[in-house]
Amino acid sequence: MSTKPKHPNLEYPELYEQNTQPNDTTWAHQRSIWAAWVLSYCRAHKIWKLQLSDALETELFYNRNLNRRFKQRDAAELLEHMAAEGDVEWEGVGKATAIVYWRKPEEWANVIYEWIDNSGQKGSVLTLYEISEGDLTRNQEFHTIDPYVLRKALDFLVKRGLAQVFGANEEMGVKFF
């Protein structure tokens, strides 16, 4: 029986069936494999936020074929390490939900601006909804981007003088230069 998920480009980490190691060097290696797996999995599924308790029941942390799962304590430690590396950011207090940066906000800024440039949107005003959910972005990697991640990406463009954000909350708009 296969231990791999149903996604052809993803493979479970080689150490999936093992618990975390007490040896720091081994755990550091194992943790880097797991971090890469989490980022790859989230990218393939366009997961922007991980709620730890829910994620523990998915193939991300639970291999039903082997009947093995990552313990909540180990998954929390993994996400804490990923937060220190800038790959996730905890949302709110309690560290129950992590925003996953399978691309960093600055990278998203570059991807979005490249689309703006290539699609002739410079000088246009777009709402955040149009960028994240609009028909024009349906085939873009950033389609469905989490609003928080989008705002962080736009902050980079504003700092570089490539965009201006105005309005508030649901009515936010962006002009690109």
N, C-alpha and C. Protein backbone atom coordinates (compact mmCIF):
# COMPACT_ATOMS: atom_id res chain seq x y z
N MET A 1 0.84 -1.18 0.00
CA MET A 1 0.00 0.00 0.00
C MET A 1 0.89 1.24 0.00
N SER A 2 0.58 2.21 -0.80
CA SER A 2 1.40 3.42 -0.92
C SER A 2 1.25 4.30 0.30
N THR A 3 2.35 4.91 0.71
CA THR A 3 2.31 5.85 1.82
C THR A 3 2.32 7.28 1.33
N LYS A 4 2.23 7.47 0.02
CA LYS A 4 2.32 8.80 -0.56
C LYS A 4 0.92 9.39 -0.71
N PRO A 5 0.81 10.71 -0.61
CA PRO A 5 -0.48 11.34 -0.81
C PRO A 5 -0.90 11.23 -2.28
N LYS A 6 -2.11 11.66 -2.56
CA LYS A 6 -2.66 11.54 -3.90
C LYS A 6 -2.16 12.59 -4.86
N HIS A 7 -1.24 13.40 -4.46
CA HIS A 7 -0.75 14.50 -5.27
C HIS A 7 0.59 14.10 -5.87
N PRO A 8 0.67 14.04 -7.21
CA PRO A 8 1.84 13.46 -7.86
C PRO A 8 3.16 14.15 -7.56
N ASN A 9 3.15 15.42 -7.24
CA ASN A 9 4.41 16.12 -7.03
C ASN A 9 4.81 16.21 -5.56
N LEU A 10 4.03 15.61 -4.70
CA LEU A 10 4.32 15.67 -3.27
C LEU A 10 4.64 14.27 -2.75
N GLU A 11 5.61 14.23 -1.87
CA GLU A 11 5.93 12.97 -1.22
C GLU A 11 6.04 13.22 0.28
N TYR A 12 5.54 12.26 1.04
CA TYR A 12 5.68 12.38 2.48
C TYR A 12 7.15 12.46 2.85
N PRO A 13 7.47 13.16 3.91
CA PRO A 13 8.86 13.19 4.36
C PRO A 13 9.37 11.78 4.64
N GLU A 14 10.65 11.56 4.35
CA GLU A 14 11.23 10.23 4.51
C GLU A 14 11.14 9.72 5.94
N LEU A 15 11.07 10.61 6.89
CA LEU A 15 11.02 10.21 8.30
C LEU A 15 9.61 10.22 8.85
N TYR A 16 8.61 10.15 7.96
CA TYR A 16 7.22 10.31 8.39
C TYR A 16 6.84 9.34 9.49
N GLU A 17 7.27 8.10 9.36
CA GLU A 17 6.79 7.10 10.29
C GLU A 17 7.53 7.11 11.63
N GLN A 18 8.45 8.03 11.81
CA GLN A 18 9.19 8.08 13.06
C GLN A 18 8.72 9.25 13.92
N ASN A 19 8.86 9.09 15.20
CA ASN A 19 8.60 10.21 16.11
C ASN A 19 9.78 11.16 16.04
N THR A 20 9.59 12.34 16.59
CA THR A 20 10.71 13.28 16.62
C THR A 20 11.84 12.67 17.44
N GLN A 21 13.03 13.02 17.08
CA GLN A 21 14.22 12.43 17.68
C GLN A 21 14.70 13.25 18.87
N PRO A 22 15.16 12.58 19.91
CA PRO A 22 15.71 13.30 21.06
C PRO A 22 17.07 13.93 20.75
N ASN A 23 17.78 13.38 19.78
CA ASN A 23 19.07 13.93 19.38
C ASN A 23 18.83 15.22 18.61
N ASP A 24 19.42 16.32 19.08
CA ASP A 24 19.18 17.63 18.48
C ASP A 24 19.56 17.70 17.00
N THR A 25 20.68 17.08 16.64
CA THR A 25 21.12 17.11 15.24
C THR A 25 20.14 16.36 14.35
N THR A 26 19.71 15.20 14.80
CA THR A 26 18.76 14.41 14.03
C THR A 26 17.42 15.14 13.92
N TRP A 27 16.96 15.72 15.03
CA TRP A 27 15.69 16.45 15.02
C TRP A 27 15.79 17.68 14.12
N ALA A 28 16.93 18.35 14.10
CA ALA A 28 17.09 19.52 13.22
C ALA A 28 16.97 19.10 11.75
N HIS A 29 17.57 17.96 11.40
CA HIS A 29 17.46 17.45 10.03
C HIS A 29 16.01 17.06 9.72
N GLN A 30 15.41 16.34 10.64
CA GLN A 30 14.03 15.90 10.47
C GLN A 30 13.10 17.11 10.35
N ARG A 31 13.33 18.09 11.18
CA ARG A 31 12.50 19.30 11.18
C ARG A 31 12.60 20.04 9.84
N SER A 32 13.80 20.10 9.25
CA SER A 32 13.95 20.78 7.96
C SER A 32 13.19 20.03 6.86
N ILE A 33 13.18 18.71 6.93
CA ILE A 33 12.41 17.91 5.97
C ILE A 33 10.92 18.19 6.15
N TRP A 34 10.48 18.21 7.40
CA TRP A 34 9.07 18.47 7.68
C TRP A 34 8.67 19.88 7.27
N ALA A 35 9.52 20.85 7.51
CA ALA A 35 9.20 22.23 7.13
C ALA A 35 9.02 22.32 5.61
N ALA A 36 9.91 21.69 4.86
CA ALA A 36 9.79 21.69 3.40
C ALA A 36 8.50 21.00 2.97
N TRP A 37 8.15 19.91 3.65
CA TRP A 37 6.90 19.19 3.35
C TRP A 37 5.69 20.08 3.60
N VAL A 38 5.66 20.76 4.74
CA VAL A 38 4.52 21.63 5.07
C VAL A 38 4.37 22.72 4.01
N LEU A 39 5.47 23.35 3.63
CA LEU A 39 5.41 24.41 2.62
C LEU A 39 4.95 23.86 1.26
N SER A 40 5.47 22.72 0.86
CA SER A 40 5.08 22.11 -0.42
C SER A 40 3.60 21.72 -0.41
N TYR A 41 3.17 21.12 0.67
CA TYR A 41 1.78 20.69 0.80
C TYR A 41 0.84 21.89 0.75
N CYS A 42 1.17 22.92 1.51
CA CYS A 42 0.32 24.11 1.54
C CYS A 42 0.29 24.80 0.18
N ARG A 43 1.40 24.82 -0.49
CA ARG A 43 1.44 25.43 -1.83
C ARG A 43 0.56 24.63 -2.80
N ALA A 44 0.69 23.31 -2.78
CA ALA A 44 -0.09 22.47 -3.69
C ALA A 44 -1.59 22.60 -3.44
N HIS A 45 -1.96 22.82 -2.19
CA HIS A 45 -3.38 22.92 -1.82
C HIS A 45 -3.85 24.36 -1.66
N LYS A 46 -2.96 25.30 -1.93
CA LYS A 46 -3.25 26.73 -1.73
C LYS A 46 -3.82 26.98 -0.33
N ILE A 47 -3.12 26.45 0.64
CA ILE A 47 -3.50 26.65 2.04
C ILE A 47 -2.72 27.85 2.55
N TRP A 48 -3.44 28.86 2.98
CA TRP A 48 -2.82 30.09 3.46
C TRP A 48 -2.73 30.09 4.98
N LYS A 49 -3.65 29.38 5.63
CA LYS A 49 -3.66 29.31 7.10
C LYS A 49 -3.82 27.86 7.52
N LEU A 50 -3.08 27.50 8.55
CA LEU A 50 -3.19 26.17 9.14
C LEU A 50 -3.72 26.31 10.55
N GLN A 51 -4.85 25.71 10.80
CA GLN A 51 -5.32 25.60 12.17
C GLN A 51 -4.77 24.27 12.67
N LEU A 52 -3.91 24.35 13.64
CA LEU A 52 -3.14 23.19 14.07
C LEU A 52 -4.02 21.99 14.39
N SER A 53 -5.07 22.17 15.16
CA SER A 53 -5.91 21.04 15.55
C SER A 53 -6.55 20.37 14.34
N ASP A 54 -6.96 21.14 13.34
CA ASP A 54 -7.54 20.57 12.13
C ASP A 54 -6.48 19.91 11.26
N ALA A 55 -5.32 20.54 11.14
CA ALA A 55 -4.25 20.02 10.29
C ALA A 55 -3.75 18.66 10.76
N LEU A 56 -3.84 18.41 12.05
CA LEU A 56 -3.38 17.13 12.60
C LEU A 56 -4.19 15.95 12.08
N GLU A 57 -5.40 16.23 11.59
CA GLU A 57 -6.27 15.17 11.08
C GLU A 57 -6.17 15.00 9.57
N THR A 58 -5.36 15.81 8.91
CA THR A 58 -5.21 15.72 7.46
C THR A 58 -3.96 14.93 7.10
N GLU A 59 -3.83 14.62 5.81
CA GLU A 59 -2.65 13.88 5.36
C GLU A 59 -1.36 14.67 5.56
N LEU A 60 -1.48 15.94 5.87
CA LEU A 60 -0.28 16.72 6.16
C LEU A 60 0.48 16.13 7.35
N PHE A 61 -0.25 15.78 8.40
CA PHE A 61 0.37 15.26 9.61
C PHE A 61 -0.10 13.85 10.01
N TYR A 62 -0.97 13.26 9.20
CA TYR A 62 -1.52 11.96 9.56
C TYR A 62 -1.48 11.04 8.34
N ASN A 63 -0.63 10.03 8.41
CA ASN A 63 -0.52 9.05 7.34
C ASN A 63 -1.40 7.86 7.72
N ARG A 64 -2.59 7.82 7.14
CA ARG A 64 -3.54 6.76 7.48
C ARG A 64 -3.04 5.38 7.03
N ASN A 65 -2.29 5.33 5.94
CA ASN A 65 -1.77 4.04 5.46
C ASN A 65 -0.84 3.40 6.47
N LEU A 66 -0.08 4.21 7.16
CA LEU A 66 0.83 3.70 8.19
C LEU A 66 0.22 3.77 9.58
N ASN A 67 -0.94 4.41 9.66
CA ASN A 67 -1.59 4.68 10.94
C ASN A 67 -0.62 5.38 11.90
N ARG A 68 0.09 6.37 11.34
CA ARG A 68 1.04 7.16 12.12
C ARG A 68 0.68 8.62 11.97
N ARG A 69 0.86 9.35 13.04
CA ARG A 69 0.57 10.78 12.99
C ARG A 69 1.60 11.55 13.79
N PHE A 70 1.76 12.78 13.39
CA PHE A 70 2.61 13.70 14.12
C PHE A 70 1.85 14.12 15.37
N LYS A 71 2.50 14.12 16.49
CA LYS A 71 1.85 14.55 17.73
C LYS A 71 1.66 16.06 17.72
N GLN A 72 0.63 16.52 18.40
CA GLN A 72 0.35 17.96 18.44
C GLN A 72 1.55 18.73 18.98
N ARG A 73 2.17 18.21 20.01
CA ARG A 73 3.33 18.88 20.60
C ARG A 73 4.45 19.03 19.57
N ASP A 74 4.70 17.97 18.78
CA ASP A 74 5.76 18.01 17.77
C ASP A 74 5.39 18.94 16.62
N ALA A 75 4.12 18.91 16.21
CA ALA A 75 3.67 19.80 15.13
C ALA A 75 3.77 21.26 15.58
N ALA A 76 3.41 21.53 16.83
CA ALA A 76 3.52 22.90 17.36
C ALA A 76 4.98 23.34 17.39
N GLU A 77 5.87 22.43 17.80
CA GLU A 77 7.30 22.75 17.82
C GLU A 77 7.82 23.00 16.40
N LEU A 78 7.35 22.20 15.45
CA LEU A 78 7.74 22.40 14.05
C LEU A 78 7.29 23.78 13.56
N LEU A 79 6.03 24.12 13.82
CA LEU A 79 5.52 25.42 13.38
C LEU A 79 6.22 26.57 14.09
N GLU A 80 6.59 26.36 15.33
CA GLU A 80 7.34 27.39 16.07
C GLU A 80 8.70 27.61 15.40
N HIS A 81 9.34 26.53 15.02
CA HIS A 81 10.62 26.64 14.29
C HIS A 81 10.40 27.36 12.96
N MET A 82 9.34 26.99 12.26
CA MET A 82 9.05 27.64 10.98
C MET A 82 8.76 29.13 11.17
N ALA A 83 8.15 29.48 12.28
CA ALA A 83 7.90 30.90 12.58
C ALA A 83 9.22 31.63 12.79
N ALA A 84 10.15 30.99 13.48
CA ALA A 84 11.46 31.61 13.70
C ALA A 84 12.21 31.79 12.38
N GLU A 85 11.94 30.92 11.41
CA GLU A 85 12.57 31.00 10.09
C GLU A 85 11.82 31.94 9.14
N GLY A 86 10.65 32.42 9.56
CA GLY A 86 9.85 33.31 8.71
C GLY A 86 8.97 32.58 7.71
N ASP A 87 8.79 31.28 7.88
CA ASP A 87 7.95 30.51 6.96
C ASP A 87 6.49 30.48 7.37
N VAL A 88 6.21 30.74 8.62
CA VAL A 88 4.83 30.90 9.10
C VAL A 88 4.81 32.06 10.08
N GLU A 89 3.62 32.54 10.34
CA GLU A 89 3.41 33.59 11.34
C GLU A 89 2.17 33.22 12.12
N TRP A 90 2.29 33.23 13.43
CA TRP A 90 1.14 32.90 14.26
C TRP A 90 0.09 33.99 14.15
N GLU A 91 -1.16 33.58 14.07
CA GLU A 91 -2.27 34.52 14.00
C GLU A 91 -2.90 34.61 15.39
N GLY A 92 -2.95 35.81 15.92
CA GLY A 92 -3.56 36.00 17.22
C GLY A 92 -2.77 35.36 18.35
N VAL A 93 -3.41 35.30 19.48
CA VAL A 93 -2.77 34.69 20.65
C VAL A 93 -3.14 33.21 20.70
N GLY A 94 -2.36 32.46 21.42
CA GLY A 94 -2.67 31.05 21.61
C GLY A 94 -1.98 30.11 20.64
N LYS A 95 -1.42 30.64 19.57
CA LYS A 95 -0.67 29.83 18.61
C LYS A 95 -1.48 28.62 18.13
N ALA A 96 -2.74 28.86 17.81
CA ALA A 96 -3.59 27.79 17.30
C ALA A 96 -3.64 27.80 15.78
N THR A 97 -3.42 28.97 15.18
CA THR A 97 -3.50 29.12 13.72
C THR A 97 -2.24 29.82 13.22
N ALA A 98 -1.68 29.27 12.16
CA ALA A 98 -0.47 29.84 11.56
C ALA A 98 -0.76 30.26 10.13
N ILE A 99 -0.31 31.45 9.77
CA ILE A 99 -0.34 31.91 8.39
C ILE A 99 0.90 31.32 7.73
N VAL A 100 0.70 30.63 6.62
CA VAL A 100 1.80 29.91 5.98
C VAL A 100 2.32 30.74 4.81
N TYR A 101 3.63 30.96 4.82
CA TYR A 101 4.28 31.71 3.75
C TYR A 101 5.02 30.76 2.84
N TRP A 102 4.27 30.05 1.99
CA TRP A 102 4.96 29.21 1.01
C TRP A 102 5.63 30.08 -0.03
N ARG A 103 5.28 31.34 -0.06
CA ARG A 103 6.06 32.42 -0.66
C ARG A 103 6.04 33.53 0.37
N LYS A 104 7.16 34.18 0.55
CA LYS A 104 7.23 35.29 1.49
C LYS A 104 6.46 36.48 0.91
N PRO A 105 5.96 37.38 1.76
CA PRO A 105 5.21 38.54 1.26
C PRO A 105 5.96 39.34 0.20
N GLU A 106 7.27 39.47 0.35
CA GLU A 106 8.03 40.21 -0.65
C GLU A 106 8.01 39.48 -2.00
N GLU A 107 8.05 38.15 -1.96
CA GLU A 107 7.95 37.38 -3.20
C GLU A 107 6.58 37.56 -3.83
N TRP A 108 5.53 37.55 -2.99
CA TRP A 108 4.18 37.78 -3.51
C TRP A 108 4.08 39.17 -4.14
N ALA A 109 4.73 40.14 -3.53
CA ALA A 109 4.73 41.49 -4.10
C ALA A 109 5.30 41.46 -5.51
N ASN A 110 6.40 40.75 -5.70
CA ASN A 110 7.01 40.65 -7.03
C ASN A 110 6.11 39.92 -8.02
N VAL A 111 5.48 38.84 -7.58
CA VAL A 111 4.58 38.07 -8.45
C VAL A 111 3.38 38.92 -8.85
N ILE A 112 2.80 39.61 -7.89
CA ILE A 112 1.63 40.46 -8.18
C ILE A 112 2.01 41.59 -9.11
N TYR A 113 3.14 42.23 -8.83
CA TYR A 113 3.54 43.36 -9.68
C TYR A 113 3.88 42.89 -11.10
N GLU A 114 4.46 41.73 -11.22
CA GLU A 114 4.74 41.19 -12.55
C GLU A 114 3.43 40.99 -13.32
N TRP A 115 2.40 40.48 -12.62
CA TRP A 115 1.09 40.32 -13.26
C TRP A 115 0.50 41.68 -13.63
N ILE A 116 0.63 42.65 -12.74
CA ILE A 116 0.14 44.01 -13.02
C ILE A 116 0.80 44.53 -14.29
N ASP A 117 2.09 44.38 -14.37
CA ASP A 117 2.85 44.87 -15.52
C ASP A 117 2.46 44.12 -16.80
N ASN A 118 2.43 42.80 -16.73
CA ASN A 118 2.13 41.98 -17.91
C ASN A 118 0.69 42.10 -18.39
N SER A 119 -0.22 42.41 -17.48
CA SER A 119 -1.64 42.49 -17.86
C SER A 119 -2.09 43.92 -18.17
N GLY A 120 -1.14 44.85 -18.14
CA GLY A 120 -1.48 46.23 -18.49
C GLY A 120 -2.30 46.94 -17.43
N GLN A 121 -2.13 46.57 -16.18
CA GLN A 121 -2.91 47.16 -15.09
C GLN A 121 -2.25 48.37 -14.44
N LYS A 122 -1.05 48.73 -14.89
CA LYS A 122 -0.40 49.92 -14.31
C LYS A 122 -1.29 51.13 -14.54
N GLY A 123 -1.44 51.94 -13.51
CA GLY A 123 -2.31 53.11 -13.58
C GLY A 123 -3.74 52.79 -13.19
N SER A 124 -4.06 51.52 -13.09
CA SER A 124 -5.41 51.10 -12.72
C SER A 124 -5.56 51.06 -11.20
N VAL A 125 -6.81 51.15 -10.79
CA VAL A 125 -7.15 50.96 -9.38
C VAL A 125 -7.91 49.65 -9.29
N LEU A 126 -7.43 48.77 -8.44
CA LEU A 126 -8.08 47.48 -8.21
C LEU A 126 -8.41 47.35 -6.73
N THR A 127 -9.51 46.69 -6.44
CA THR A 127 -9.82 46.39 -5.05
C THR A 127 -9.02 45.15 -4.64
N LEU A 128 -8.88 44.97 -3.34
CA LEU A 128 -8.21 43.77 -2.87
C LEU A 128 -8.98 42.52 -3.31
N TYR A 129 -10.30 42.63 -3.34
CA TYR A 129 -11.12 41.51 -3.80
C TYR A 129 -10.79 41.17 -5.26
N GLU A 130 -10.67 42.17 -6.11
CA GLU A 130 -10.36 41.92 -7.52
C GLU A 130 -9.01 41.22 -7.67
N ILE A 131 -8.06 41.60 -6.82
CA ILE A 131 -6.74 40.97 -6.88
C ILE A 131 -6.80 39.53 -6.40
N SER A 132 -7.49 39.30 -5.31
CA SER A 132 -7.47 37.96 -4.72
C SER A 132 -8.55 37.03 -5.25
N GLU A 133 -9.67 37.56 -5.69
CA GLU A 133 -10.79 36.71 -6.08
C GLU A 133 -11.35 36.99 -7.47
N GLY A 134 -10.83 38.02 -8.12
CA GLY A 134 -11.41 38.45 -9.39
C GLY A 134 -11.18 37.50 -10.55
N ASP A 135 -12.00 37.65 -11.57
CA ASP A 135 -11.89 36.81 -12.76
C ASP A 135 -10.55 36.97 -13.46
N LEU A 136 -9.99 38.18 -13.41
CA LEU A 136 -8.72 38.43 -14.09
C LEU A 136 -7.56 37.66 -13.47
N THR A 137 -7.68 37.32 -12.21
CA THR A 137 -6.58 36.62 -11.53
C THR A 137 -6.82 35.12 -11.37
N ARG A 138 -7.91 34.64 -11.93
CA ARG A 138 -8.30 33.24 -11.73
C ARG A 138 -7.16 32.25 -12.05
N ASN A 139 -6.33 32.55 -13.02
CA ASN A 139 -5.25 31.64 -13.40
C ASN A 139 -3.90 32.02 -12.78
N GLN A 140 -3.93 32.93 -11.83
CA GLN A 140 -2.69 33.37 -11.19
C GLN A 140 -2.46 32.59 -9.89
N GLU A 141 -1.21 32.39 -9.56
CA GLU A 141 -0.87 31.67 -8.34
C GLU A 141 -1.41 32.37 -7.10
N PHE A 142 -1.54 33.69 -7.15
CA PHE A 142 -2.00 34.43 -5.98
C PHE A 142 -3.52 34.50 -5.88
N HIS A 143 -4.24 33.90 -6.82
CA HIS A 143 -5.71 33.88 -6.73
C HIS A 143 -6.09 33.17 -5.43
N THR A 144 -6.96 33.72 -4.68
CA THR A 144 -7.42 33.30 -3.34
C THR A 144 -6.43 33.65 -2.23
N ILE A 145 -5.44 34.48 -2.52
CA ILE A 145 -4.46 34.86 -1.50
C ILE A 145 -5.17 35.39 -0.26
N ASP A 146 -4.67 35.01 0.88
CA ASP A 146 -5.22 35.48 2.14
C ASP A 146 -5.11 37.00 2.21
N PRO A 147 -6.17 37.69 2.66
CA PRO A 147 -6.13 39.16 2.71
C PRO A 147 -4.96 39.72 3.51
N TYR A 148 -4.60 39.07 4.60
CA TYR A 148 -3.48 39.54 5.41
C TYR A 148 -2.17 39.44 4.63
N VAL A 149 -1.97 38.32 3.94
CA VAL A 149 -0.76 38.13 3.15
C VAL A 149 -0.73 39.13 2.01
N LEU A 150 -1.88 39.36 1.39
CA LEU A 150 -1.96 40.34 0.30
C LEU A 150 -1.59 41.73 0.80
N ARG A 151 -2.12 42.13 1.95
CA ARG A 151 -1.79 43.46 2.49
C ARG A 151 -0.30 43.57 2.79
N LYS A 152 0.29 42.51 3.32
CA LYS A 152 1.74 42.54 3.58
C LYS A 152 2.52 42.66 2.27
N ALA A 153 2.09 41.96 1.23
CA ALA A 153 2.75 42.05 -0.07
C ALA A 153 2.61 43.46 -0.63
N LEU A 154 1.42 44.03 -0.51
CA LEU A 154 1.20 45.38 -1.03
C LEU A 154 2.04 46.40 -0.27
N ASP A 155 2.27 46.17 1.01
CA ASP A 155 3.14 47.07 1.79
C ASP A 155 4.53 47.17 1.16
N PHE A 156 5.04 46.05 0.65
CA PHE A 156 6.35 46.09 -0.03
C PHE A 156 6.28 46.95 -1.28
N LEU A 157 5.19 46.81 -2.04
CA LEU A 157 5.05 47.61 -3.26
C LEU A 157 4.91 49.09 -2.93
N VAL A 158 4.22 49.41 -1.86
CA VAL A 158 4.08 50.81 -1.44
C VAL A 158 5.45 51.36 -1.06
N LYS A 159 6.21 50.61 -0.28
CA LYS A 159 7.54 51.06 0.14
C LYS A 159 8.47 51.28 -1.04
N ARG A 160 8.27 50.52 -2.11
CA ARG A 160 9.10 50.67 -3.30
C ARG A 160 8.54 51.72 -4.27
N GLY A 161 7.42 52.35 -3.89
CA GLY A 161 6.83 53.39 -4.73
C GLY A 161 6.11 52.84 -5.96
N LEU A 162 5.72 51.58 -5.91
CA LEU A 162 5.06 50.95 -7.05
C LEU A 162 3.54 50.86 -6.89
N ALA A 163 3.05 51.21 -5.71
CA ALA A 163 1.61 51.12 -5.46
C ALA A 163 1.22 52.11 -4.38
N GLN A 164 -0.05 52.44 -4.37
CA GLN A 164 -0.63 53.27 -3.31
C GLN A 164 -1.92 52.59 -2.87
N VAL A 165 -2.04 52.36 -1.57
CA VAL A 165 -3.22 51.72 -1.01
C VAL A 165 -4.07 52.80 -0.36
N PHE A 166 -5.36 52.73 -0.58
CA PHE A 166 -6.26 53.69 0.05
C PHE A 166 -7.57 53.00 0.41
N GLY A 167 -8.35 53.66 1.26
CA GLY A 167 -9.59 53.07 1.74
C GLY A 167 -9.33 52.26 2.99
N ALA A 168 -10.35 51.56 3.43
CA ALA A 168 -10.23 50.77 4.66
C ALA A 168 -10.99 49.46 4.52
N ASN A 169 -10.46 48.45 5.14
CA ASN A 169 -11.07 47.12 5.25
C ASN A 169 -11.61 46.60 3.93
N GLU A 170 -12.92 46.37 3.85
CA GLU A 170 -13.53 45.77 2.67
C GLU A 170 -13.44 46.66 1.44
N GLU A 171 -13.26 47.95 1.66
CA GLU A 171 -13.26 48.91 0.56
C GLU A 171 -11.86 49.33 0.13
N MET A 172 -10.85 48.57 0.51
CA MET A 172 -9.48 48.95 0.16
C MET A 172 -9.26 48.84 -1.34
N GLY A 173 -8.56 49.83 -1.86
CA GLY A 173 -8.18 49.82 -3.26
C GLY A 173 -6.69 50.03 -3.39
N VAL A 174 -6.15 49.68 -4.54
CA VAL A 174 -4.72 49.82 -4.79
C VAL A 174 -4.55 50.41 -6.18
N LYS A 175 -3.71 51.42 -6.26
CA LYS A 175 -3.32 51.96 -7.55
C LYS A 175 -1.87 51.56 -7.76
N PHE A 176 -1.60 51.04 -8.95
CA PHE A 176 -0.26 50.57 -9.27
C PHE A 176 0.41 51.54 -10.23
N PHE A 177 1.70 51.77 -10.02
CA PHE A 177 2.47 52.70 -10.86
C PHE A 177 3.53 51.96 -11.63
